[in-house]
Amino acid sequence: MKTNIFKTYSFLLTVGIIMLAGCTKDFKEINTNPVAYGPSSFDPNYTFTTAQLTYTGSTDFAYDTWRGNLIYSSTMMQGFSTVMSYWAGDKYLLNEGYTSAYWGTSTVGAYIEQVRPIVDVVEFSRGNAKYNNIYQVARIWKALIFERITDLYGDAPYSEAGQGYYKAILTPKYDKQQAIYADLLKEVDEATNAINLSGDKVTGDVIFKGDLQKWQRFGNSLMLRLAMRLVKVDETTAKAYAAKAIGKTMLDNSDNAILTHDVVGGRVTQNRNNQILLGDGGPENYYVKWSKTFIDQLKGTADPRLAKVAVTKLYLSEGSKDQNPGFDANPAVQKGMPNGKDLSGVAATDIRQDATFTTFPDYSSPNPGMLKRNGATYILTYGQTELLLAEAAQKWGIGGTAASHYNNGVKAAITCLDAYDATLSIPAASADAYLLANAYNPAIGLQQINTQYWVLSNTMMDFYETWCNWRRSGFPNLTPVVFSGNATNGTIPRRFPYPVSEAAINGVNYKAASAAVTGGDNLTGRVWWDK
């Protein structure tokens, strides 16, 4: 993981500079005179932009997003369903190339494209009063990056990751997840409190455009999420950090952390989920549908989101990428596809032999308003935060009432979809009516809270988070699929195995980490907090 802070990040950095043109008086000289780009002129804001963009998808045709978020997480969590055989997560099959895609290789993936630039920002700005605020928000963003890595894999390189240039560490140790979480909580807490509202401007921020108050609320909301991950293994720490966040988290949907994409720069700036769901890599546009589990949940509660997120007859024929302008958004006709089906011809699994099968266009696709190449990537939202506060209130009686936070969270979740497209807007009155019909019940409160978290994270298409919260909470109660030859003995996977390439790259550390995984280094092994 060797790196150099003064080395341009090629295409990504160019995108960052283009997006930030005019943000520095030295822009013209730096952009036209490579000799001028060095320690005295380097601005960590540019590299921070890179770390933000790559968190939403890799540069290598979005393979990390395609494989980790969509192929595996979305289908394991029964948000999406598909009959395509190479979507291994739908059938609990092991494809090591896919499960390792998020971790990455020597040229792409989270460690190269996210960890390396964010470590550069943190290390360059550390102790530099000129860059106090970019240092603090970079610490928060670094925690966000490592939260996902450790949630997917467990123990992982953390304290020594990205330190090739600074400390000549080329084979970083794997830190225990317990130690990683302890440091993530400390870092986010310290960094959030150290933001100076009258200090340096954060100009490289494509999420909040340098709004430091929003960064403070984001930091506290992230700290709450980190804390709630630990409820099964360290409830004392979970409660303590959740209590710290109370009263300082996101205030409403205007605080949602969202990256709005564009298509000017090509693949790197497109929405990575949508790039795949529009069929850039294969027939995903035709064969990836909302799951029966998800559609049935929305139908069963008369959820107003059903009329916005799902449509039938979006694509009328296989191979065509032309959307049908006459698609049907009528909630009554929405139909989810069962998970664990294929086109094999085997009666037990072939979708065409299922009793409910009619035609593929009759199954529900995501609304085209959600599939724009320049659409939004939701990162962390007010609705999620309020639902976590509801759980904290239910468990520990802190921070207000569970019912109040639950109502806030569900209402925000229902009314936040207009960030995708104005046509997906749902009026507050519809959310109020839904809550009246589906009132919070403390007797089943944890189930209600976490089922709503599942629905929201699915509609955000952040299936990584859907999977993490399901493993943490156990809700909703998903019925595993039955598919011959699966790699989990018919249980829903709990983690991604380490990349086998680590044996050659970081052999001693990899062997120790893989041997220490509870349940084994496979799809059914468990990360530390998943007890």
Protein backbone atom coordinates (compact mmCIF):
# COMPACT_ATOMS: atom_id res chain seq x y z
CA MET A 1 0.00 0.00 0.00
CA LYS A 2 2.83 2.27 -0.82
CA THR A 3 1.75 5.79 -1.57
CA ASN A 4 3.07 9.27 -2.19
CA ILE A 5 1.21 12.34 -1.04
CA PHE A 6 2.63 14.45 -3.81
CA LYS A 7 1.78 12.09 -6.62
CA THR A 8 -1.25 13.09 -8.66
CA TYR A 9 -4.13 10.64 -8.53
CA SER A 10 -4.31 10.69 -12.34
CA PHE A 11 -7.84 10.76 -13.65
CA LEU A 12 -9.66 10.95 -10.34
CA LEU A 13 -7.65 13.90 -9.13
CA THR A 14 -8.25 15.64 -12.43
CA VAL A 15 -11.98 15.19 -11.88
CA GLY A 16 -11.60 16.64 -8.40
CA ILE A 17 -9.73 19.68 -9.69
CA ILE A 18 -12.28 20.27 -12.44
CA MET A 19 -15.08 20.14 -9.88
CA LEU A 20 -13.27 22.60 -7.68
CA ALA A 21 -12.03 25.03 -10.33
CA GLY A 22 -11.67 28.50 -8.95
CA CYS A 23 -11.47 27.37 -5.32
CA THR A 24 -7.87 28.49 -4.97
CA LYS A 25 -6.02 31.52 -6.25
CA ASP A 26 -3.16 29.21 -7.33
CA PHE A 27 -5.38 26.98 -9.48
CA LYS A 28 -4.14 28.26 -12.82
CA GLU A 29 -0.48 27.85 -11.93
CA ILE A 30 -0.93 24.43 -10.36
CA ASN A 31 -3.03 23.20 -13.25
CA THR A 32 -0.62 24.34 -15.94
CA ASN A 33 2.77 24.01 -14.24
CA PRO A 34 3.47 20.53 -12.82
CA VAL A 35 6.63 21.79 -11.15
CA ALA A 36 4.49 24.04 -8.96
CA TYR A 37 2.64 21.04 -7.50
CA GLY A 38 4.55 20.11 -4.35
CA PRO A 39 4.61 20.44 -0.56
CA SER A 40 4.17 24.20 -0.62
CA SER A 41 1.23 24.19 -3.03
CA PHE A 42 -0.48 20.89 -2.29
CA ASP A 43 -4.08 21.32 -1.15
CA PRO A 44 -5.51 18.26 0.66
CA ASN A 45 -9.00 19.31 -0.36
CA TYR A 46 -8.41 17.92 -3.84
CA THR A 47 -7.50 14.49 -2.53
CA PHE A 48 -10.44 14.58 -0.14
CA THR A 49 -12.71 14.87 -3.17
CA THR A 50 -11.14 11.70 -4.55
CA ALA A 51 -11.84 9.78 -1.33
CA GLN A 52 -15.46 10.91 -1.37
CA LEU A 53 -16.04 9.98 -5.00
CA THR A 54 -14.42 6.56 -4.74
CA TYR A 55 -16.43 5.67 -1.64
CA THR A 56 -19.46 5.57 -3.95
CA GLY A 57 -17.79 3.26 -6.48
CA SER A 58 -14.49 2.11 -7.88
CA THR A 59 -12.96 3.29 -11.16
CA ASP A 60 -12.76 -0.25 -12.57
CA PHE A 61 -16.23 -0.39 -14.12
CA ALA A 62 -17.76 -0.24 -10.63
CA TYR A 63 -16.79 -3.84 -9.88
CA ASP A 64 -16.82 -3.27 -6.13
CA THR A 65 -20.32 -1.76 -6.24
CA TRP A 66 -21.57 -4.29 -8.76
CA ARG A 67 -20.29 -7.31 -6.88
CA GLY A 68 -20.38 -6.30 -3.22
CA ASN A 69 -23.44 -4.05 -3.04
CA LEU A 70 -25.62 -5.47 -5.79
CA ILE A 71 -24.66 -9.07 -6.61
CA TYR A 72 -24.20 -10.07 -2.97
CA SER A 73 -25.69 -7.65 -0.43
CA SER A 74 -28.86 -6.64 -2.27
CA THR A 75 -29.96 -10.21 -2.98
CA MET A 76 -28.87 -11.78 0.32
CA MET A 77 -31.02 -9.15 2.02
CA GLN A 78 -33.91 -9.78 -0.36
CA GLY A 79 -34.06 -6.22 -1.58
CA PHE A 80 -33.38 -7.32 -5.14
CA SER A 81 -33.83 -10.68 -6.81
CA THR A 82 -32.48 -12.04 -10.08
CA VAL A 83 -32.34 -15.21 -12.15
CA MET A 84 -28.87 -14.49 -13.54
CA SER A 85 -26.58 -17.33 -12.49
CA TYR A 86 -23.51 -15.17 -11.84
CA TRP A 87 -25.34 -13.14 -9.19
CA ALA A 88 -23.98 -15.52 -6.58
CA GLY A 89 -25.42 -13.77 -3.52
CA ASP A 90 -28.97 -14.59 -4.55
CA LYS A 91 -28.21 -18.29 -4.16
CA TYR A 92 -25.57 -18.14 -1.34
CA LEU A 93 -22.85 -19.33 -3.71
CA LEU A 94 -19.20 -18.40 -3.19
CA ASN A 95 -17.45 -16.43 -5.91
CA GLU A 96 -14.17 -15.33 -4.35
CA GLY A 97 -13.54 -12.77 -7.05
CA TYR A 98 -16.82 -11.08 -6.20
CA THR A 99 -16.56 -11.21 -2.41
CA SER A 100 -13.04 -9.76 -2.56
CA ALA A 101 -13.94 -6.97 -4.99
CA TYR A 102 -14.64 -4.39 -2.30
CA TRP A 103 -11.33 -5.02 -0.54
CA GLY A 104 -9.69 -4.76 -3.96
CA THR A 105 -6.49 -5.62 -5.73
CA SER A 106 -3.12 -3.91 -6.05
CA THR A 107 -4.63 -1.34 -8.43
CA VAL A 108 -8.30 -0.85 -7.47
CA GLY A 109 -10.69 -1.32 -4.58
CA ALA A 110 -11.25 0.26 -1.18
CA TYR A 111 -7.69 0.04 0.09
CA ILE A 112 -6.22 1.62 -3.03
CA GLU A 113 -8.93 4.07 -4.03
CA GLN A 114 -10.39 5.09 -0.66
CA VAL A 115 -7.92 4.31 2.12
CA ARG A 116 -4.83 5.59 0.35
CA PRO A 117 -6.17 9.07 -0.46
CA ILE A 118 -7.93 9.59 2.87
CA VAL A 119 -4.81 8.58 4.80
CA ASP A 120 -2.88 11.09 2.69
CA VAL A 121 -5.31 13.86 3.64
CA VAL A 122 -5.17 12.97 7.34
CA GLU A 123 -1.39 12.64 7.46
CA PHE A 124 -0.68 15.79 5.43
CA SER A 125 -3.05 17.99 7.44
CA ARG A 126 -2.29 16.54 10.88
CA GLY A 127 -0.94 19.27 13.18
CA ASN A 128 -1.28 21.94 10.48
CA ALA A 129 -3.43 24.80 11.80
CA LYS A 130 -4.03 25.98 8.24
CA TYR A 131 -5.94 22.76 7.59
CA ASN A 132 -7.61 22.00 10.92
CA ASN A 133 -11.11 21.53 9.54
CA ILE A 134 -10.15 19.42 6.54
CA TYR A 135 -8.16 17.29 8.99
CA GLN A 136 -11.19 16.79 11.21
CA VAL A 137 -13.68 16.00 8.43
CA ALA A 138 -11.11 13.67 6.85
CA ARG A 139 -10.86 11.79 10.14
CA ILE A 140 -14.64 11.39 10.09
CA TRP A 141 -14.61 10.25 6.46
CA LYS A 142 -11.78 7.83 7.19
CA ALA A 143 -13.92 6.28 9.92
CA LEU A 144 -16.80 5.90 7.46
CA ILE A 145 -14.48 4.13 5.01
CA PHE A 146 -13.07 1.72 7.56
CA GLU A 147 -16.46 1.05 9.12
CA ARG A 148 -17.60 -0.58 5.90
CA ILE A 149 -14.37 -2.50 5.34
CA THR A 150 -14.38 -4.03 8.81
CA ASP A 151 -18.13 -4.65 8.73
CA LEU A 152 -17.74 -6.69 5.54
CA TYR A 153 -14.60 -8.64 6.47
CA GLY A 154 -13.96 -8.36 10.22
CA ASP A 155 -10.36 -7.93 11.37
CA ALA A 156 -8.53 -5.86 8.76
CA PRO A 157 -5.50 -3.64 8.19
CA TYR A 158 -6.34 -0.37 9.90
CA SER A 159 -3.70 1.32 12.05
CA GLU A 160 -0.94 0.56 9.52
CA ALA A 161 -3.07 0.76 6.36
CA GLY A 162 -1.99 3.33 3.79
CA GLN A 163 1.27 3.98 5.66
CA GLY A 164 3.65 2.76 2.96
CA TYR A 165 4.96 6.24 2.20
CA TYR A 166 4.94 7.56 5.76
CA LYS A 167 6.27 4.58 7.70
CA ALA A 168 7.49 2.19 4.98
CA ILE A 169 4.88 -0.38 6.03
CA LEU A 170 4.10 -2.54 3.02
CA THR A 171 2.57 -5.54 4.84
CA PRO A 172 0.20 -3.95 7.38
CA LYS A 173 -1.03 -5.94 10.33
CA TYR A 174 -4.69 -6.89 10.66
CA ASP A 175 -6.17 -5.06 13.64
CA LYS A 176 -8.85 -6.80 15.66
CA GLN A 177 -12.31 -5.48 14.85
CA GLN A 178 -12.85 -4.68 18.52
CA ALA A 179 -9.80 -2.39 18.46
CA ILE A 180 -10.84 -0.88 15.14
CA TYR A 181 -14.27 0.04 16.50
CA ALA A 182 -12.80 1.49 19.66
CA ASP A 183 -10.60 3.77 17.58
CA LEU A 184 -13.33 4.67 15.09
CA LEU A 185 -15.55 5.85 17.93
CA LYS A 186 -12.72 7.82 19.51
CA GLU A 187 -11.72 9.41 16.20
CA VAL A 188 -15.23 10.46 15.22
CA ASP A 189 -15.95 11.82 18.69
CA GLU A 190 -12.73 13.84 18.84
CA ALA A 191 -12.87 15.05 15.26
CA THR A 192 -16.48 16.19 15.46
CA ASN A 193 -15.80 18.18 18.61
CA ALA A 194 -12.64 19.71 17.12
CA ILE A 195 -14.33 21.24 14.06
CA ASN A 196 -13.95 25.01 14.24
CA LEU A 197 -16.90 26.80 12.65
CA SER A 198 -14.82 29.95 12.15
CA GLY A 199 -11.74 28.11 10.92
CA ASP A 200 -10.46 27.03 7.50
CA LYS A 201 -12.93 26.30 4.71
CA VAL A 202 -13.34 22.74 3.45
CA THR A 203 -13.42 23.37 -0.29
CA GLY A 204 -13.01 19.80 -1.53
CA ASP A 205 -16.26 18.55 -0.06
CA VAL A 206 -18.77 17.27 -2.64
CA ILE A 207 -21.22 16.04 0.03
CA PHE A 208 -21.98 19.07 2.21
CA LYS A 209 -20.16 21.73 0.17
CA GLY A 210 -18.08 22.72 3.17
CA ASP A 211 -20.98 23.25 5.59
CA LEU A 212 -19.22 22.55 8.87
CA GLN A 213 -22.37 22.41 10.97
CA LYS A 214 -23.64 19.63 8.74
CA TRP A 215 -20.31 17.87 9.22
CA GLN A 216 -20.75 18.08 12.97
CA ARG A 217 -24.20 16.53 12.73
CA PHE A 218 -22.95 13.92 10.27
CA GLY A 219 -20.12 13.01 12.64
CA ASN A 220 -22.45 12.56 15.58
CA SER A 221 -24.89 10.54 13.46
CA LEU A 222 -22.05 8.31 12.29
CA MET A 223 -20.90 7.92 15.90
CA LEU A 224 -24.41 6.77 16.82
CA ARG A 225 -24.38 4.18 14.03
CA LEU A 226 -20.96 2.91 15.08
CA ALA A 227 -22.16 2.68 18.67
CA MET A 228 -25.30 0.73 17.82
CA ARG A 229 -23.26 -1.87 15.93
CA LEU A 230 -21.92 -2.97 19.33
CA VAL A 231 -25.19 -3.66 21.16
CA LYS A 232 -24.64 -7.44 21.17
CA VAL A 233 -20.98 -7.44 22.22
CA ASP A 234 -20.32 -4.30 24.28
CA GLU A 235 -23.57 -2.73 25.40
CA THR A 236 -21.82 -0.44 27.87
CA THR A 237 -19.74 1.22 25.17
CA ALA A 238 -22.70 1.27 22.79
CA LYS A 239 -24.87 3.11 25.30
CA ALA A 240 -22.11 5.55 26.30
CA TYR A 241 -21.38 6.70 22.76
CA ALA A 242 -25.04 6.74 21.77
CA ALA A 243 -25.66 9.04 24.73
CA LYS A 244 -22.88 11.35 23.52
CA ALA A 245 -24.59 11.71 20.16
CA ILE A 246 -28.05 12.55 21.51
CA GLY A 247 -29.15 16.07 20.66
CA LYS A 248 -26.33 16.57 18.15
CA THR A 249 -27.36 14.37 15.22
CA MET A 250 -29.02 15.24 11.90
CA LEU A 251 -32.01 17.56 12.20
CA ASP A 252 -34.03 16.68 9.08
CA ASN A 253 -33.69 15.43 5.52
CA SER A 254 -31.72 18.51 4.50
CA ASP A 255 -28.84 17.03 6.53
CA ASN A 256 -28.81 13.78 4.54
CA ALA A 257 -25.36 12.83 3.28
CA ILE A 258 -25.89 12.47 -0.46
CA LEU A 259 -23.51 12.58 -3.39
CA THR A 260 -25.19 13.83 -6.55
CA HIS A 261 -23.40 12.48 -9.60
CA ASP A 262 -22.84 13.77 -13.12
CA VAL A 263 -21.85 12.10 -16.37
CA VAL A 264 -19.46 14.69 -17.75
CA GLY A 265 -16.37 12.85 -16.54
CA GLY A 266 -17.46 9.42 -17.71
CA ARG A 267 -17.58 6.34 -15.52
CA VAL A 268 -15.93 7.82 -12.47
CA THR A 269 -18.66 10.36 -11.85
CA GLN A 270 -21.68 8.29 -12.83
CA ASN A 271 -23.92 6.77 -10.20
CA ARG A 272 -22.35 3.34 -9.82
CA ASN A 273 -25.47 1.37 -8.87
CA ASN A 274 -27.39 2.87 -11.74
CA GLN A 275 -24.64 2.23 -14.25
CA ILE A 276 -25.12 -1.49 -13.64
CA LEU A 277 -28.91 -1.46 -13.28
CA LEU A 278 -29.18 0.34 -16.62
CA GLY A 279 -27.45 -2.61 -18.26
CA ASP A 280 -23.90 -1.38 -18.82
CA GLY A 281 -22.43 -4.75 -17.85
CA GLY A 282 -25.08 -7.19 -18.98
CA PRO A 283 -28.84 -7.83 -18.89
CA GLU A 284 -29.21 -6.52 -15.32
CA ASN A 285 -31.71 -3.95 -16.53
CA TYR A 286 -34.08 -6.74 -17.58
CA TYR A 287 -33.39 -9.45 -15.01
CA VAL A 288 -32.78 -7.58 -11.73
CA LYS A 289 -36.10 -6.97 -9.97
CA TRP A 290 -37.34 -5.94 -6.56
CA SER A 291 -37.61 -9.03 -4.37
CA LYS A 292 -40.95 -10.58 -3.49
CA THR A 293 -40.03 -10.10 0.19
CA PHE A 294 -39.56 -6.36 -0.29
CA ILE A 295 -42.65 -5.75 -2.43
CA ASP A 296 -44.81 -7.85 -0.11
CA GLN A 297 -43.64 -5.77 2.87
CA LEU A 298 -44.64 -2.53 1.15
CA LYS A 299 -47.94 -3.95 -0.06
CA GLY A 300 -48.81 -5.47 3.30
CA THR A 301 -48.55 -2.14 5.09
CA ALA A 302 -49.97 0.04 2.28
CA ASP A 303 -46.64 1.87 2.19
CA PRO A 304 -46.83 5.01 0.00
CA ARG A 305 -43.27 4.33 -1.18
CA LEU A 306 -44.53 1.42 -3.27
CA ALA A 307 -46.08 3.79 -5.80
CA LYS A 308 -42.75 5.59 -6.18
CA VAL A 309 -39.98 3.02 -6.08
CA ALA A 310 -41.48 0.20 -8.15
CA VAL A 311 -42.81 -0.08 -11.70
CA THR A 312 -43.72 -2.95 -13.99
CA LYS A 313 -43.14 -3.20 -17.75
CA LEU A 314 -40.08 -0.95 -17.65
CA TYR A 315 -38.28 -3.14 -20.21
CA LEU A 316 -40.46 -5.12 -22.59
CA SER A 317 -37.88 -7.42 -24.16
CA GLU A 318 -34.59 -9.04 -23.21
CA GLY A 319 -31.60 -7.28 -24.70
CA SER A 320 -33.34 -3.94 -25.07
CA LYS A 321 -32.09 -1.09 -22.95
CA ASP A 322 -34.85 1.23 -24.09
CA GLN A 323 -37.17 2.03 -21.22
CA ASN A 324 -40.87 1.84 -21.89
CA PRO A 325 -42.40 5.30 -21.30
CA GLY A 326 -45.70 3.55 -20.60
CA PHE A 327 -44.39 1.69 -17.53
CA ASP A 328 -46.96 0.95 -14.82
CA ALA A 329 -46.46 2.43 -11.33
CA ASN A 330 -49.85 1.32 -10.01
CA PRO A 331 -49.19 -0.19 -6.54
CA ALA A 332 -51.85 -2.84 -7.11
CA VAL A 333 -49.94 -4.47 -9.98
CA GLN A 334 -46.50 -4.49 -8.39
CA LYS A 335 -45.03 -7.97 -8.14
CA GLY A 336 -41.76 -8.97 -6.54
CA MET A 337 -39.59 -11.76 -7.88
CA PRO A 338 -38.81 -14.67 -5.54
CA ASN A 339 -35.15 -15.03 -4.55
CA GLY A 340 -33.15 -18.17 -5.28
CA LYS A 341 -34.50 -18.73 -8.79
CA ASP A 342 -32.72 -19.22 -12.11
CA LEU A 343 -33.24 -20.21 -15.75
CA SER A 344 -31.74 -23.70 -15.44
CA GLY A 345 -34.77 -25.68 -16.50
CA VAL A 346 -34.77 -27.46 -13.12
CA ALA A 347 -38.32 -27.41 -11.81
CA ALA A 348 -37.34 -26.58 -8.22
CA THR A 349 -35.47 -23.41 -9.16
CA ASP A 350 -36.46 -22.27 -12.66
CA ILE A 351 -38.54 -19.11 -12.26
CA ARG A 352 -40.54 -19.94 -15.37
CA GLN A 353 -41.94 -22.99 -13.60
CA ASP A 354 -42.94 -21.02 -10.52
CA ALA A 355 -46.71 -20.92 -10.00
CA THR A 356 -46.72 -17.11 -9.94
CA PHE A 357 -44.65 -16.59 -13.10
CA THR A 358 -46.21 -14.78 -16.04
CA THR A 359 -43.57 -12.66 -17.84
CA PHE A 360 -40.40 -10.90 -16.70
CA PRO A 361 -41.80 -7.42 -17.48
CA ASP A 362 -44.56 -8.17 -14.97
CA TYR A 363 -42.04 -8.18 -12.12
CA SER A 364 -41.29 -4.86 -10.46
CA SER A 365 -38.20 -2.88 -11.47
CA PRO A 366 -36.82 0.20 -9.70
CA ASN A 367 -38.57 3.36 -10.84
CA PRO A 368 -36.59 4.98 -13.69
CA GLY A 369 -36.36 8.12 -11.56
CA MET A 370 -34.04 6.11 -9.28
CA LEU A 371 -31.83 4.96 -12.14
CA LYS A 372 -30.41 8.18 -13.53
CA ARG A 373 -26.69 8.17 -14.27
CA ASN A 374 -26.40 11.54 -12.57
CA GLY A 375 -28.65 10.46 -9.73
CA ALA A 376 -28.03 10.46 -6.01
CA THR A 377 -26.01 8.07 -3.88
CA TYR A 378 -27.39 8.10 -0.33
CA ILE A 379 -24.62 7.66 2.26
CA LEU A 380 -26.20 8.28 5.67
CA THR A 381 -29.57 9.83 6.38
CA TYR A 382 -31.67 11.52 9.02
CA GLY A 383 -34.24 8.73 8.74
CA GLN A 384 -31.67 6.05 9.59
CA THR A 385 -30.37 8.15 12.44
CA GLU A 386 -33.81 8.66 13.98
CA LEU A 387 -34.54 4.94 13.78
CA LEU A 388 -31.29 4.23 15.63
CA LEU A 389 -32.25 6.82 18.24
CA ALA A 390 -35.59 5.05 18.54
CA GLU A 391 -33.78 1.82 19.30
CA ALA A 392 -31.55 3.52 21.87
CA ALA A 393 -34.64 4.97 23.54
CA GLN A 394 -36.37 1.58 23.50
CA LYS A 395 -33.33 -0.26 24.92
CA TRP A 396 -32.04 2.23 27.44
CA GLY A 397 -34.67 4.93 27.94
CA ILE A 398 -32.35 7.70 26.75
CA GLY A 399 -32.79 10.61 24.37
CA GLY A 400 -36.56 10.94 24.32
CA THR A 401 -39.26 8.42 23.45
CA ALA A 402 -38.89 5.53 21.05
CA ALA A 403 -42.24 6.33 19.46
CA SER A 404 -41.26 9.92 18.69
CA HIS A 405 -37.96 8.96 17.08
CA TYR A 406 -39.65 6.11 15.22
CA ASN A 407 -42.24 8.47 13.77
CA ASN A 408 -39.54 10.95 12.79
CA GLY A 409 -37.48 8.23 11.15
CA VAL A 410 -40.29 6.65 9.17
CA LYS A 411 -41.64 10.00 8.03
CA ALA A 412 -38.17 11.09 6.90
CA ALA A 413 -37.65 7.79 5.11
CA ILE A 414 -40.89 8.16 3.20
CA THR A 415 -40.31 11.80 2.24
CA CYS A 416 -36.60 11.67 1.30
CA LEU A 417 -36.90 10.00 -2.08
CA ASP A 418 -37.10 13.26 -4.02
CA ALA A 419 -33.30 13.42 -3.92
CA TYR A 420 -33.45 10.80 -6.66
CA ASP A 421 -35.94 12.74 -8.74
CA ALA A 422 -38.74 15.23 -8.09
CA THR A 423 -41.28 12.72 -9.41
CA LEU A 424 -40.56 10.48 -6.40
CA SER A 425 -41.68 13.11 -3.89
CA ILE A 426 -44.21 11.91 -1.31
CA PRO A 427 -46.17 14.48 0.72
CA ALA A 428 -45.80 14.56 4.49
CA ALA A 429 -49.53 13.90 4.85
CA SER A 430 -49.10 10.49 3.22
CA ALA A 431 -46.37 9.64 5.72
CA ASP A 432 -48.60 10.78 8.59
CA ALA A 433 -51.42 8.57 7.35
CA TYR A 434 -49.07 5.61 7.08
CA LEU A 435 -47.88 6.08 10.65
CA LEU A 436 -51.45 6.35 11.88
CA ALA A 437 -52.21 3.00 10.29
CA ASN A 438 -48.92 1.43 11.37
CA ALA A 439 -48.42 2.85 14.84
CA TYR A 440 -45.37 2.14 16.97
CA ASN A 441 -45.90 -0.71 19.41
CA PRO A 442 -43.27 -1.06 22.18
CA ALA A 443 -44.03 -4.78 22.49
CA ILE A 444 -42.59 -5.35 19.01
CA GLY A 445 -40.66 -2.10 18.84
CA LEU A 446 -37.24 -3.48 17.89
CA GLN A 447 -38.79 -5.48 15.06
CA GLN A 448 -40.66 -2.43 13.76
CA ILE A 449 -37.61 -0.15 14.00
CA ASN A 450 -35.25 -2.48 12.22
CA THR A 451 -37.75 -3.55 9.58
CA GLN A 452 -38.18 0.13 8.73
CA TYR A 453 -34.39 0.50 8.69
CA TRP A 454 -34.29 -2.39 6.18
CA VAL A 455 -36.93 -0.76 3.98
CA LEU A 456 -35.17 2.61 4.07
CA SER A 457 -31.69 1.24 3.37
CA ASN A 458 -33.12 -0.79 0.48
CA THR A 459 -34.73 2.28 -1.05
CA MET A 460 -31.39 4.10 -0.57
CA MET A 461 -29.79 1.18 -2.48
CA ASP A 462 -27.20 1.00 0.29
CA PHE A 463 -27.46 -2.75 0.59
CA TYR A 464 -24.15 -2.94 2.46
CA GLU A 465 -25.89 -1.12 5.30
CA THR A 466 -29.02 -3.26 4.93
CA TRP A 467 -26.86 -6.35 5.44
CA CYS A 468 -24.92 -4.89 8.37
CA ASN A 469 -27.99 -3.82 10.30
CA TRP A 470 -29.76 -7.12 9.65
CA ARG A 471 -26.78 -9.03 11.05
CA ARG A 472 -26.72 -6.72 14.05
CA SER A 473 -30.45 -6.73 14.81
CA GLY A 474 -31.85 -9.93 13.29
CA PHE A 475 -34.75 -8.02 11.72
CA PRO A 476 -36.63 -8.43 9.52
CA ASN A 477 -36.98 -12.18 9.91
CA LEU A 478 -35.90 -13.26 6.43
CA THR A 479 -36.56 -16.79 5.19
CA PRO A 480 -33.38 -18.17 3.57
CA VAL A 481 -33.59 -19.42 0.01
CA VAL A 482 -33.15 -23.09 -0.85
CA PHE A 483 -30.71 -23.60 -3.70
CA SER A 484 -28.75 -26.73 -4.54
CA GLY A 485 -25.00 -26.45 -4.13
CA ASN A 486 -25.06 -23.35 -1.93
CA ALA A 487 -21.96 -22.60 0.17
CA THR A 488 -23.67 -21.90 3.50
CA ASN A 489 -25.76 -24.98 4.22
CA GLY A 490 -28.83 -22.91 3.45
CA THR A 491 -28.16 -20.01 5.82
CA ILE A 492 -27.86 -16.35 4.89
CA PRO A 493 -24.16 -15.34 4.63
CA ARG A 494 -22.65 -13.38 7.53
CA ARG A 495 -19.38 -11.96 6.11
CA PHE A 496 -17.11 -11.86 3.08
CA PRO A 497 -14.03 -14.11 3.13
CA TYR A 498 -10.64 -12.42 2.85
CA PRO A 499 -9.24 -12.14 -0.69
CA VAL A 500 -7.07 -15.15 -1.47
CA SER A 501 -4.57 -12.73 -3.05
CA GLU A 502 -3.70 -11.58 0.47
CA ALA A 503 -1.83 -14.85 0.96
CA ALA A 504 0.78 -13.69 -1.54
CA ILE A 505 0.68 -9.97 -0.73
CA ASN A 506 0.51 -10.02 3.06
CA GLY A 507 0.90 -13.72 3.88
CA VAL A 508 1.83 -13.89 7.56
CA ASN A 509 -0.75 -11.32 8.66
CA TYR A 510 -3.42 -12.80 6.40
CA LYS A 511 -2.91 -16.33 7.71
CA ALA A 512 -3.23 -15.22 11.32
CA ALA A 513 -6.38 -13.19 10.60
CA SER A 514 -8.10 -15.89 8.55
CA ALA A 515 -7.36 -18.51 11.21
CA ALA A 516 -8.95 -16.30 13.88
CA VAL A 517 -12.35 -15.81 12.20
CA THR A 518 -15.17 -17.18 14.34
CA GLY A 519 -16.76 -19.91 12.26
CA GLY A 520 -13.99 -19.90 9.68
CA ASP A 521 -12.88 -17.64 6.84
CA ASN A 522 -15.95 -18.24 4.72
CA LEU A 523 -19.44 -16.90 4.08
CA THR A 524 -20.77 -18.26 7.37
CA GLY A 525 -17.96 -16.94 9.58
CA ARG A 526 -18.81 -13.97 11.79
CA VAL A 527 -17.28 -10.61 12.48
CA TRP A 528 -16.67 -9.68 16.12
CA TRP A 529 -19.83 -7.65 16.69
CA ASP A 530 -22.09 -10.26 15.04
CA LYS A 531 -22.70 -12.59 17.98
